[in-house]
């Protein structure tokens, strides 16, 4: 009886594990600063970047600006890559620059 249970568990374990596994890469997209009078709207990520990455099969996570370095380190250890979008942002003294420098 023990051998039967052992055989069944060894035989079916790979099938059970493969069902829950997701091998899609996790890609972070760095947010860009937004000049807005509203305090709740300080950063944005263009939807086109998210849609492009998702269409390629990736899972997308936002990388927000002006976070603590510990938060960036935790996020860096959880993602497979990062997209640094271009645009009209100050690359010498902005939250975008500080976050990009940590990841790059």
Protein backbone atom coordinates (compact mmCIF):
# COMPACT_ATOMS: atom_id res chain seq x y z
CA UNK A 1 0.00 0.00 0.00
CA UNK A 2 2.83 2.37 0.88
CA UNK A 3 4.54 1.75 -2.45
CA UNK A 4 1.29 2.40 -4.31
CA UNK A 5 0.80 5.78 -2.58
CA UNK A 6 4.45 6.66 -3.17
CA UNK A 7 4.17 5.76 -6.86
CA UNK A 8 0.99 7.81 -7.31
CA UNK A 9 2.47 10.84 -5.55
CA UNK A 10 5.68 10.70 -7.60
CA UNK A 11 3.77 10.19 -10.85
CA UNK A 12 1.24 13.03 -10.39
CA UNK A 13 3.46 15.63 -8.68
CA UNK A 14 4.86 17.11 -11.94
CA UNK A 15 1.34 17.55 -13.32
CA UNK A 16 0.14 19.32 -10.20
CA UNK A 17 3.13 21.66 -10.11
CA UNK A 18 2.93 22.59 -13.77
CA UNK A 19 -0.68 23.74 -13.47
CA UNK A 20 0.17 26.52 -10.99
CA UNK A 21 3.40 27.61 -12.63
CA UNK A 22 3.55 30.80 -14.65
CA UNK A 23 6.77 31.33 -16.59
CA UNK A 24 5.81 34.72 -18.04
CA UNK A 25 8.49 37.34 -17.33
CA UNK A 26 7.70 40.11 -14.89
CA UNK A 27 8.64 43.48 -16.34
CA UNK A 28 8.60 46.73 -14.38
CA UNK A 29 7.70 49.99 -16.11
CA UNK A 30 9.15 53.12 -14.55
CA UNK A 31 6.56 55.84 -13.99
CA UNK A 32 7.20 59.36 -15.23
CA UNK A 33 6.63 62.55 -13.29
CA UNK A 34 3.51 64.48 -14.14
CA UNK A 35 3.23 68.24 -13.76
CA UNK A 36 -0.25 68.53 -12.31
CA UNK A 37 -1.93 70.80 -9.80
CA UNK A 38 -3.63 67.77 -8.26
CA UNK A 39 -1.60 66.19 -5.48
CA UNK A 40 -3.00 62.74 -6.25
CA UNK A 41 -1.64 62.85 -9.82
CA UNK A 42 2.14 62.97 -9.57
CA UNK A 43 3.17 60.13 -11.90
CA UNK A 44 1.85 58.20 -14.87
CA UNK A 45 2.63 55.21 -17.05
CA UNK A 46 1.48 55.30 -20.65
CA UNK A 47 -1.03 52.54 -21.34
CA UNK A 48 0.65 51.79 -24.67
CA UNK A 49 3.76 50.48 -22.87
CA UNK A 50 1.68 48.21 -20.66
CA UNK A 51 -0.37 46.88 -23.58
CA UNK A 52 2.76 46.26 -25.67
CA UNK A 53 4.44 44.24 -22.92
CA UNK A 54 1.29 42.28 -22.11
CA UNK A 55 0.79 41.48 -25.80
CA UNK A 56 4.29 40.02 -25.78
CA UNK A 57 3.32 37.74 -22.88
CA UNK A 58 4.85 39.63 -19.96
CA UNK A 59 3.29 40.50 -16.65
CA UNK A 60 3.69 44.21 -15.95
CA UNK A 61 4.26 45.90 -12.60
CA UNK A 62 4.52 49.64 -12.03
CA UNK A 63 7.74 51.10 -10.66
CA UNK A 64 6.66 54.28 -8.94
CA UNK A 65 8.97 57.26 -8.50
CA UNK A 66 10.10 58.81 -5.20
CA UNK A 67 10.05 55.56 -3.25
CA UNK A 68 12.47 54.46 -0.53
CA UNK A 69 15.62 52.63 -1.72
CA UNK A 70 14.50 49.54 0.24
CA UNK A 71 11.30 49.44 -1.81
CA UNK A 72 13.29 49.57 -5.04
CA UNK A 73 15.62 46.81 -3.84
CA UNK A 74 12.67 44.57 -2.97
CA UNK A 75 11.09 45.24 -6.36
CA UNK A 76 14.39 44.72 -8.20
CA UNK A 77 14.69 41.24 -6.71
CA UNK A 78 11.16 40.39 -7.89
CA UNK A 79 11.27 41.39 -11.57
CA UNK A 80 13.00 40.04 -14.66
CA UNK A 81 13.50 43.35 -16.43
CA UNK A 82 12.56 47.01 -16.50
CA UNK A 83 11.34 49.37 -19.21
CA UNK A 84 12.61 52.95 -18.94
CA UNK A 85 10.25 54.99 -21.13
CA UNK A 86 11.52 58.16 -22.76
CA UNK A 87 9.82 61.50 -22.84
CA UNK A 88 10.02 65.06 -21.63
CA UNK A 89 11.30 64.38 -18.14
CA UNK A 90 14.28 66.06 -16.51
CA UNK A 91 16.96 63.36 -16.44
CA UNK A 92 19.29 65.21 -14.08
CA UNK A 93 17.14 66.10 -11.07
CA UNK A 94 13.86 64.22 -10.97
CA UNK A 95 12.31 61.24 -9.25
CA UNK A 96 12.53 59.44 -12.58
CA UNK A 97 16.29 59.98 -12.69
CA UNK A 98 16.82 58.81 -9.11
CA UNK A 99 14.80 55.63 -9.64
CA UNK A 100 16.38 54.90 -13.03
CA UNK A 101 19.86 55.29 -11.55
CA UNK A 102 19.07 52.66 -8.89
CA UNK A 103 17.87 50.13 -11.46
CA UNK A 104 20.50 50.87 -14.10
